[in-house]
Protein backbone atom coordinates (compact mmCIF):
# COMPACT_ATOMS: atom_id res chain seq x y z
CA CYS A 1 5.01 -0.30 15.54
CA GLY A 2 9.00 -0.25 15.93
CA CYS A 3 8.33 3.25 17.11
CA ARG A 4 6.02 2.49 19.53
CA ALA A 5 8.33 -0.48 20.76
CA LYS A 6 11.02 2.15 21.19
CA MET A 7 8.55 4.76 22.86
CA VAL A 8 7.50 1.94 25.64
CA ARG A 9 11.49 0.75 26.00
CA ALA A 10 12.51 4.46 26.73
CA ALA A 11 9.24 5.95 28.83
CA GLY A 12 9.19 6.65 32.15
CA PRO A 13 5.93 6.55 34.09
CA PRO A 14 3.05 6.31 33.10
CA LEU A 15 4.21 4.24 30.03
CA ARG A 16 6.74 2.01 32.26
CA GLY A 17 5.78 -1.91 32.04
CA ALA A 18 3.85 -1.53 29.20
CA ARG A 19 3.94 -3.97 26.32
CA VAL A 20 3.31 -4.29 22.79
CA THR A 21 1.43 -6.46 20.44
CA LEU A 22 2.33 -6.52 16.67
CA CYS A 23 -0.51 -8.51 14.43
CA THR A 24 0.66 -8.66 10.93
CA SER A 25 -0.96 -10.05 7.29
CA ARG A 26 -0.05 -10.09 4.13
CA GLY A 27 0.08 -6.54 2.93
CA LYS A 28 0.56 -4.32 -0.17
CA LEU A 29 3.86 -4.84 -0.06
CA ALA A 30 3.23 -8.19 -1.61
CA THR A 31 5.51 -10.14 -3.73
CA GLN A 32 5.02 -13.37 -5.25
CA VAL A 33 5.97 -16.07 -7.91
CA GLY A 34 3.61 -18.72 -9.31
CA PRO A 35 -0.37 -18.78 -9.84
CA LYS A 36 -1.31 -18.95 -6.31
CA LYS A 37 -1.42 -15.55 -4.34
CA GLN A 38 0.03 -17.33 -1.13
CA THR A 39 3.13 -18.51 -2.56
CA ALA A 40 5.55 -17.33 -0.70
CA PRO A 41 9.14 -16.48 -3.40
CA GLN A 42 11.89 -18.65 -2.63
CA PRO A 43 15.49 -17.23 -2.38
CA GLY A 44 17.04 -17.28 -5.94
CA LYS A 45 13.87 -17.73 -7.70
CA PRO A 46 12.12 -15.42 -9.93
CA PHE A 47 9.30 -13.65 -8.19
CA PHE A 48 6.80 -10.33 -9.25
CA ASP A 49 6.31 -7.41 -6.65
CA TYR A 50 3.01 -6.58 -7.63
CA GLY A 51 2.45 -4.20 -4.69
CA CYS A 52 4.86 -1.24 -4.07
CA GLN A 53 7.39 -1.01 -7.05
CA TYR A 54 9.63 1.29 -5.36
CA PHE A 55 9.97 3.93 -2.56
CA THR A 56 12.34 7.33 -1.91
CA ALA A 57 13.16 8.79 0.90
CA SER A 58 13.12 12.74 0.84
CA ASP A 59 12.17 13.11 4.47
CA ASP A 60 15.22 13.15 6.78
CA TRP A 61 14.20 11.15 9.05
CA PHE A 62 12.90 8.45 6.88
CA ALA A 63 16.09 8.56 5.01
CA GLU A 64 17.87 7.77 7.89
CA GLU A 65 15.73 4.97 8.85
CA VAL A 66 15.94 3.60 4.93
CA GLU A 67 20.03 3.39 5.15
CA ARG A 68 19.54 1.42 8.54
CA TRP A 69 16.98 -1.00 6.31
CA ALA A 70 19.81 -1.01 3.87
CA SER A 71 22.30 -1.86 7.03
CA LEU A 72 20.32 -5.26 7.77
CA GLY A 73 20.16 -6.16 4.53
CA ALA A 74 16.57 -5.38 3.76
CA CYS A 75 16.76 -3.13 0.84
CA GLN A 76 19.18 -1.01 -1.67
CA PRO A 77 18.61 1.75 -4.06
CA LEU A 78 18.31 0.68 -7.90
CA PRO A 79 21.57 1.61 -9.87
CA ALA A 80 21.93 4.99 -11.57
CA GLY A 81 19.92 5.14 -14.47
CA ALA A 82 18.09 2.45 -13.98
CA ILE A 83 14.60 3.92 -13.45
CA GLY A 84 13.03 7.09 -15.74
CA THR A 85 10.30 7.80 -17.73
CA LEU A 86 9.49 6.07 -21.14
CA SER A 87 7.33 7.33 -23.85
CA ARG A 88 6.47 6.30 -27.42
CA ASP A 89 7.93 9.38 -29.06
CA ALA A 90 10.73 10.44 -26.32
CA GLY A 91 11.83 7.03 -25.39
CA PHE A 92 13.31 6.37 -22.25
CA ALA A 93 14.60 8.94 -19.57
CA PRO A 94 16.95 8.33 -16.52
CA CYS A 95 15.59 10.08 -13.81
CA ALA A 96 17.52 13.15 -12.75
CA GLY A 97 18.98 12.07 -9.42
CA GLY A 98 17.99 10.61 -5.75
CA LYS A 99 17.73 7.05 -4.46
CA CYS A 100 15.37 4.57 -5.77
CA TRP A 101 14.58 1.74 -3.06
CA VAL A 102 13.75 -1.97 -3.78
CA GLY A 103 13.73 -4.67 -1.51
CA ASN A 104 16.08 -7.52 -1.62
CA GLY A 105 14.24 -10.61 -3.14
CA GLY A 106 11.12 -8.32 -3.51
CA MET A 107 9.31 -5.60 -1.16
CA GLY A 108 7.31 -8.21 0.41
CA PRO A 109 10.34 -10.14 1.68
CA MET A 110 12.02 -6.74 2.99
CA LEU A 111 8.69 -6.39 5.15
CA ASP A 112 9.29 -9.68 6.35
CA ARG A 113 12.69 -9.05 7.26
CA LEU A 114 12.16 -5.60 8.75
CA ILE A 115 9.16 -6.88 11.05
CA GLU A 116 11.13 -10.31 12.21
CA HIS A 117 14.30 -7.86 12.90
CA THR A 118 11.83 -5.66 15.29
CA ALA A 119 10.25 -8.46 17.26
CA ARG A 120 14.11 -9.92 18.19
CA GLU A 121 15.28 -5.75 18.71
CA PHE A 122 12.33 -5.40 21.08
CA ASP A 123 11.62 -8.67 22.79
CA ASP A 124 11.44 -7.50 26.06
CA VAL A 125 8.00 -5.25 25.05
CA LEU A 126 7.10 -6.42 22.08
CA GLU A 127 5.16 -9.94 21.24
CA LEU A 128 4.87 -10.67 17.35
CA VAL A 129 1.44 -12.71 16.21
CA SER A 130 1.95 -13.39 12.54
CA GLY A 131 -1.37 -14.45 10.42
CA PHE A 132 0.51 -15.26 7.47
CA PRO A 133 1.21 -18.43 6.70
CA ASN A 134 -0.54 -19.27 9.58
CA VAL A 135 -3.88 -17.83 8.55
CA ASN A 136 -5.85 -19.01 11.94
CA ALA A 137 -3.34 -16.13 13.46
CA LYS A 138 -5.12 -13.54 11.66
CA VAL A 139 -7.22 -10.68 13.67
CA GLU A 140 -10.11 -10.72 12.12
CA SER A 141 -12.90 -8.43 14.68
CA LEU A 142 -12.33 -6.69 17.90
CA GLU A 143 -14.63 -6.05 21.73
CA LYS A 144 -14.45 -3.46 23.87
CA ARG A 145 -14.67 -4.73 27.19
CA ALA A 146 -14.18 -3.43 30.93
CA ALA A 147 -10.94 -4.70 31.00
CA GLY A 148 -10.00 -3.11 27.57
CA TRP A 149 -9.85 -4.24 24.05
CA VAL A 150 -9.86 -7.85 23.14
CA LEU A 151 -9.12 -8.87 19.51
CA ARG A 152 -10.50 -12.40 17.92
CA THR A 153 -8.62 -14.39 15.65
CA LYS A 154 -9.61 -16.40 12.43
CA GLY A 155 -8.94 -19.46 14.46
CA ARG A 156 -11.37 -18.17 16.95
CA SER A 157 -8.56 -17.51 19.55
CA GLU A 158 -8.64 -13.86 21.74
CA LEU A 159 -5.49 -11.52 22.45
CA GLY A 160 -5.88 -9.00 24.96
CA PRO A 161 -7.10 -7.26 26.78
CA PHE A 162 -5.43 -3.80 25.35
CA ASP A 163 -5.54 -0.33 26.65
CA PHE A 164 -4.93 0.67 23.05
CA VAL A 165 -5.60 -0.64 19.64
CA ILE A 166 -3.79 0.71 16.63
CA GLY A 167 -4.72 -0.05 13.03
CA GLY A 168 -2.56 0.43 10.19
CA PHE A 169 -4.77 -0.64 7.08
CA ALA A 170 -7.24 1.25 4.87
CA GLN A 171 -9.05 -0.80 2.37
CA HIS A 172 -12.68 -0.61 2.88
CA VAL A 173 -13.42 -4.56 2.36
CA LEU A 174 -11.13 -4.71 5.39
CA THR A 175 -11.67 -1.95 7.56
CA ASP A 176 -15.84 -2.13 7.11
CA PRO A 177 -16.42 -5.34 8.62
CA PHE A 178 -13.80 -5.22 11.55
CA LEU A 179 -14.67 -1.78 13.00
CA LYS A 180 -18.03 -3.02 12.70
CA SER A 181 -17.56 -5.76 14.96
CA GLY A 182 -16.28 -3.64 17.62
CA GLY A 183 -20.11 -1.81 18.12
CA ALA A 184 -20.48 1.30 19.54
CA ALA A 185 -17.01 1.59 20.67
CA SER A 186 -15.46 1.79 17.03
CA GLU A 187 -18.24 3.56 15.26
CA ARG A 188 -16.55 7.17 15.12
CA MET A 189 -13.19 5.54 13.73
CA LEU A 190 -15.74 3.36 11.23
CA ARG A 191 -17.08 6.66 9.87
CA CYS A 192 -13.55 8.57 9.88
CA LEU A 193 -11.84 5.46 7.33
CA GLN A 194 -14.93 5.13 5.32
CA ARG A 195 -14.08 8.80 4.34
CA VAL A 196 -10.70 7.62 2.85
CA GLU A 197 -10.55 7.72 -0.72
CA SER A 198 -8.21 5.44 -3.01
CA ASN A 199 -7.32 5.16 -6.51
CA GLN A 200 -8.09 1.65 -8.35
CA LEU A 201 -5.02 0.03 -10.37
CA ILE A 202 -4.83 -3.01 -12.34
CA PRO A 203 -1.43 -4.76 -12.18
CA ILE A 204 -0.40 -7.35 -14.37
CA GLN A 205 2.33 -10.00 -14.07
CA VAL A 206 3.69 -11.03 -17.26
CA SER A 207 6.84 -13.40 -17.84
CA PHE A 208 8.50 -14.08 -21.82
CA GLU A 209 9.20 -17.12 -22.68
CA GLY A 210 10.63 -16.48 -26.30
CA ASP A 211 13.16 -13.60 -26.89
CA ALA A 212 14.34 -10.92 -24.08
CA LEU A 213 12.53 -7.36 -24.97
CA PRO A 214 14.50 -4.55 -25.56
CA MET A 215 15.05 -2.94 -22.19
CA ASP A 216 17.84 -1.49 -21.32
CA PHE A 217 16.99 -0.31 -18.06
CA ILE A 218 14.98 -1.92 -14.88
CA ALA A 219 11.99 0.43 -14.72
CA ALA A 220 10.06 3.35 -16.04
CA HIS A 221 6.81 5.53 -15.51
CA VAL A 222 5.26 5.49 -18.70
CA TYR A 223 3.90 8.64 -20.26
CA GLY A 224 1.40 9.20 -22.94
CA GLU A 225 -0.68 5.73 -22.93
CA GLU A 226 -3.82 5.56 -21.84
CA SER A 227 -3.77 2.11 -20.38
CA LEU A 228 -0.54 2.23 -18.96
CA SER A 229 1.88 4.16 -16.25
CA TRP A 230 4.23 1.67 -15.30
CA ILE A 231 6.67 -1.02 -16.55
CA CYS A 232 9.34 -2.96 -14.48
CA ASN A 233 11.51 -5.95 -15.01
CA ASN A 234 11.42 -8.10 -11.66
CA SER A 235 14.39 -10.05 -13.22
CA ALA A 236 16.70 -7.21 -12.93
CA LYS A 237 16.23 -6.49 -9.07
CA PRO A 238 18.36 -7.64 -6.16
CA GLN A 239 17.32 -11.09 -4.95
CA GLN A 240 17.19 -12.13 -1.08
CA ASN A 241 20.75 -12.44 -0.77
CA GLY A 242 21.58 -8.73 -2.25
CA ARG A 243 23.05 -9.94 -5.35
CA TRP A 244 21.47 -8.61 -8.81
CA GLY A 245 19.49 -10.18 -10.97
CA THR A 246 17.48 -13.39 -11.76
CA PRO A 247 18.52 -15.63 -14.52
CA GLY A 248 16.09 -16.88 -16.95
CA GLN A 249 12.86 -15.27 -18.40
CA GLN A 250 12.10 -11.60 -17.95
CA HIS A 251 9.10 -11.33 -15.22
CA LEU A 252 7.81 -8.12 -15.43
CA THR A 253 4.99 -6.16 -13.42
CA LEU A 254 2.77 -3.63 -15.50
CA LEU A 255 0.75 -1.35 -13.83
CA SER A 256 -2.40 0.59 -15.30
CA THR A 257 -3.35 4.05 -14.93
CA ALA A 258 -5.97 5.00 -12.37
CA ALA A 259 -8.55 6.01 -15.27
CA PHE A 260 -8.14 2.89 -17.25
CA ALA A 261 -8.47 0.44 -13.91
CA GLU A 262 -11.11 2.49 -12.44
CA ARG A 263 -13.39 2.90 -15.87
CA GLU A 264 -12.63 -1.27 -16.79
CA PHE A 265 -13.48 -2.55 -13.35
CA ASN A 266 -16.47 -0.25 -12.41
CA CYS A 267 -18.04 0.24 -16.38
CA ASN A 268 -17.39 -3.10 -17.97
CA PRO A 269 -19.67 -5.66 -17.79
CA LYS A 270 -17.76 -8.15 -19.44
CA GLY A 271 -15.19 -7.99 -16.73
CA TYR A 272 -11.66 -6.14 -17.05
CA LYS A 273 -8.96 -8.44 -17.13
CA GLY A 274 -9.31 -9.16 -21.20
CA THR A 275 -9.65 -5.25 -21.73
CA ALA A 276 -6.75 -5.23 -19.48
CA GLU A 277 -4.42 -8.14 -21.07
CA LYS A 278 -5.02 -6.64 -24.82
CA SER A 279 -4.58 -3.03 -24.04
CA MET A 280 -1.59 -2.66 -21.25
CA LEU A 281 0.45 -5.37 -23.69
CA SER A 282 -0.36 -3.53 -26.60
CA ALA A 283 0.98 -0.42 -25.08
CA MET A 284 3.85 -2.23 -23.40
CA ALA A 285 5.16 -2.77 -27.02
CA ARG A 286 4.55 0.67 -28.30
CA VAL A 287 6.64 2.16 -25.82
CA LEU A 288 9.31 -0.39 -26.14
CA GLY A 289 9.29 -0.14 -30.06
CA VAL A 290 8.52 -3.74 -30.66
CA GLU A 291 6.42 -4.51 -33.52
CA SER A 292 5.18 -7.67 -32.57
CA LEU A 293 5.20 -9.39 -29.29
CA ALA A 294 4.61 -13.06 -30.61
CA LYS A 295 8.38 -14.09 -30.82
CA HIS A 296 8.53 -12.87 -27.15
CA ARG A 297 5.83 -15.30 -26.03
CA PRO A 298 4.50 -13.45 -23.23
CA ARG A 299 2.61 -15.65 -20.64
CA ILE A 300 0.37 -13.71 -17.76
CA ASN A 301 1.27 -14.92 -14.33
CA ARG A 302 -1.82 -13.16 -12.70
CA ILE A 303 -3.92 -9.70 -13.28
CA ASN A 304 -5.35 -8.11 -10.41
CA HIS A 305 -7.28 -5.08 -9.24
CA TRP A 306 -6.41 -3.03 -6.68
CA GLU A 307 -9.96 -1.69 -5.03
CA ASP A 308 -8.14 0.45 -2.57
CA GLY A 309 -4.96 1.38 -4.39
CA LEU A 310 -3.00 4.60 -3.36
CA ALA A 311 -4.75 7.38 -1.19
CA CYS A 312 -6.21 10.44 -2.93
CA ASN A 313 -7.64 12.27 0.05
CA THR A 314 -6.51 13.11 3.74
CA PRO A 315 -8.45 14.05 6.70
CA PRO A 316 -8.69 17.87 6.85
CA ALA A 317 -6.03 19.52 9.26
CA SER A 318 -4.28 16.17 9.45
CA ARG A 319 -2.12 15.57 12.17
CA LYS A 320 -1.03 12.29 10.45
CA CYS A 321 -3.16 10.20 12.11
CA LEU A 322 -6.12 9.45 13.67
CA LEU A 323 -6.88 8.85 17.29
CA ASP A 324 -10.41 8.40 19.18
CA VAL A 325 -9.07 9.37 23.10
CA ASP A 326 -12.26 8.59 24.54
CA VAL A 327 -12.05 4.54 23.51
CA GLY A 328 -8.60 4.03 23.16
CA LEU A 329 -8.67 3.36 19.10
CA GLY A 330 -6.04 4.64 16.81
CA TRP A 331 -5.35 4.60 13.37
CA CYS A 332 -2.24 5.77 10.91
CA GLY A 333 -1.44 4.87 7.45
CA ASP A 334 -0.52 6.73 4.14
CA PHE A 335 -3.98 8.23 3.80
CA CYS A 336 -2.96 10.86 6.44
CA VAL A 337 0.24 12.28 5.13
CA SER A 338 1.20 11.24 1.24
CA PRO A 339 0.53 8.12 -0.80
CA GLY A 340 2.94 5.50 -0.86
CA LEU A 341 5.87 3.87 1.90
CA GLN A 342 7.46 7.11 2.98
CA GLY A 343 3.93 8.70 3.96
CA ALA A 344 2.88 5.29 5.98
CA ALA A 345 6.29 5.42 7.65
CA LEU A 346 5.67 9.00 8.96
CA SER A 347 2.42 8.29 9.76
CA GLY A 348 3.00 5.83 12.19
CA ARG A 349 5.91 7.49 14.17
CA ALA A 350 3.13 10.25 14.53
CA MET A 351 0.77 7.70 15.74
CA ALA A 352 3.29 6.81 18.30
CA GLU A 353 4.00 10.44 19.17
CA VAL A 354 0.37 11.40 19.66
CA LEU A 355 -0.13 8.03 21.55
CA ALA A 356 2.00 9.04 23.93
CA GLU A 357 1.26 12.66 24.37
CA SER A 358 -2.26 11.37 24.82
CA ILE A 359 -1.37 9.01 27.44
CA CYS A 360 1.32 11.67 29.29
CA VAL A 361 -0.91 14.77 29.17
CA GLY A 362 -4.13 13.28 30.21
CA ALA A 363 -7.23 15.32 30.20
CA ALA A 364 -5.32 18.53 29.11
CA PHE A 365 -4.50 17.03 25.51
CA ASP A 366 -5.44 18.38 22.31
CA ARG A 367 -8.03 16.54 20.66
CA ALA A 368 -8.22 18.55 17.29
CA GLY A 369 -7.96 16.99 14.02
CA LEU A 370 -7.62 13.43 15.36
CA LEU A 371 -11.30 12.37 14.67
CA PRO A 372 -13.02 14.03 11.32
CA ALA A 373 -15.58 11.63 11.21
CA ASP A 374 -18.29 14.30 10.09
CA GLU A 375 -16.10 16.79 8.16
CA ALA A 376 -15.33 16.31 4.01
CA TRP A 377 -11.98 15.49 3.35
CA PRO A 378 -9.65 17.31 1.18
CA ARG A 379 -7.45 16.00 -2.02
CA ILE A 380 -4.32 14.72 -0.90
CA GLY A 381 -0.94 16.36 -1.18
CA ALA A 382 2.48 15.74 -1.44
CA GLY A 383 3.14 16.02 2.15
CA GLU A 384 5.85 18.60 3.49
CA THR A 385 8.43 17.52 1.04
CA GLY A 386 6.68 18.60 -1.74
CA ASP A 387 6.79 14.88 -3.35
CA THR A 388 5.63 14.45 -7.22
CA LEU A 389 2.22 12.73 -7.25
CA LEU A 390 1.67 9.84 -9.75
CA ASP A 391 -0.71 7.20 -9.97
CA MET A 392 0.85 4.62 -8.28
CA GLY A 393 2.45 6.77 -5.04
CA ALA A 394 4.14 9.70 -4.24
CA PHE A 395 7.99 10.13 -4.72
CA SER A 396 10.90 12.87 -4.22
CA PRO A 397 11.11 16.04 -6.20
CA ALA A 398 14.84 15.06 -6.74
CA LEU A 399 13.68 12.20 -9.59
CA GLY A 400 12.54 15.26 -11.76
CA LEU A 401 9.32 13.36 -12.52
CA ARG A 402 6.14 15.09 -13.87
CA ALA A 403 2.96 14.78 -11.81
CA HIS A 404 0.50 12.44 -13.32
CA LEU A 405 -2.69 11.76 -11.79
CA THR A 406 -5.92 10.21 -13.52
CA HIS A 407 -8.14 9.45 -10.70
CA THR A 408 -11.71 9.72 -11.92
CA ASP A 409 -15.36 9.82 -9.97
CA LEU A 410 -16.25 6.43 -10.90
CA VAL A 411 -15.31 4.64 -7.87
CA PRO A 412 -18.31 4.14 -5.59
CA SER A 413 -18.01 6.13 -2.11
CA ALA A 414 -17.77 4.30 1.14
CA VAL A 415 -18.78 7.35 2.84
CA GLY A 416 -21.97 6.14 4.92
CA GLY A 417 -21.28 2.62 4.59
CA TYR A 418 -19.01 0.11 2.31
CA ASP A 419 -21.23 -1.59 -0.66
CA VAL A 420 -19.88 -5.21 -0.57
CA ALA A 421 -21.11 -5.56 -4.42
CA ALA A 422 -17.83 -2.68 -5.16
CA HIS A 423 -15.56 -5.67 -4.76
CA THR A 424 -16.96 -7.07 -7.59
CA GLY A 425 -16.70 -4.15 -10.06
CA ALA A 426 -19.64 -4.23 -12.80
CA ALA A 427 -19.19 -8.12 -13.98
CA GLY A 428 -20.43 -8.74 -10.81
CA LYS A 429 -23.72 -6.70 -11.07
CA PRO A 430 -27.03 -8.72 -12.38
CA ALA A 431 -27.58 -7.63 -16.47
CA GLY A 432 -29.60 -4.50 -16.46
CA GLY A 433 -30.02 -4.64 -12.46
CA GLY A 434 -29.82 -0.98 -10.08
CA ASP A 435 -28.13 1.74 -9.56
CA SER A 436 -24.40 1.17 -10.42
CA GLY A 437 -23.27 3.49 -8.17
CA HIS A 438 -21.34 4.94 -10.64
CA GLY A 439 -20.22 8.91 -10.20
CA LYS A 440 -21.04 8.50 -6.36
CA GLY A 441 -17.24 9.80 -6.24
CA LYS A 442 -15.50 9.52 -2.80
CA GLY A 443 -14.68 12.21 -0.50
CA LYS A 444 -17.80 14.14 -1.57
CA GLY A 445 -19.73 14.33 1.39
CA LYS A 446 -22.22 11.73 0.13
């Protein structure tokens, strides 16, 4: 949103006098402590990053932007050798090079700090409406009226009218009801977003109340394990004041592979959590060389499931964003560029540029590639910077990682409409009941 605010502040006619309203909620850059998902992390206290784990900046513009974030105290790079690859046979090997960035106090506090700074920096053109922790301010629906778009909140208040509405989220469980509320005006954008295909992942938040695990690194991409793709010691990450480490128990985040999560969630009628706990902790023990976890006393905080994890397809001939010029409705997200934080940032920047061009050029504006609602979407690539693709995102080639994608066709397609039953997986279906939807992978034109 900072790109759009900069555009408005610096613009001449016809943008002069325009204002931006930024409506936020909790996102995938989430950080928490304790068993309740709405518990905000506290300075100096343990935390779990359970969304974005770290990010890289291989694009020149984004690299400059991240350095600016660091100057604000929002983030910093992990020390050299702190992140790498891990397998049972080869052990730990540090990444070859490149900066791996993490948020101070977690990725959630980093995002909060950046949003708050943006609101202060552009207070002459931008209004912030935060849907967390005040959930009554969370935007839930939209309506196109003669005067423009109107947004309605959970607390039944209205925002607007607006000439343009830009969305920045892609989970089907959220986009389907939101865009359906807009009726015919948002129907074409809805059909576009129903083509977004994402993998699924299982994150486990676990602390160890006994002996410390033998980890002389902070985080590692795991290879050679069917159920586990990532291990990270949050206790070794920087706190909100920028100082490294949190005393006390190790607080780890584990991420599954996409193949494991998609199979267990969509095919296991007993549910995924029990199998995930057993399999992923066992895999962690193997790659760390731990014979028995008993003396380390693992305690599960939460086991989650990402129904829409990282983007796996992208609009054909993508212009890095979507825009329905006729109704003034746009969308941006990593699925338009490459999976992860850098892709999302580049999409947001492109959205600001495309929107400004559409306003300034008028009828002569080139709409090609901005609303591919009825075309098959190809598999997502590594972006212009040639990043390495893994289940948990795209990362700079400077790290020297080996690409590893395990996404399957077990995730039900949302093309033609999102099935709310997909939100509960196999465990939420009646015994012996109906079509499971398995094999109807997204992005296949169905």
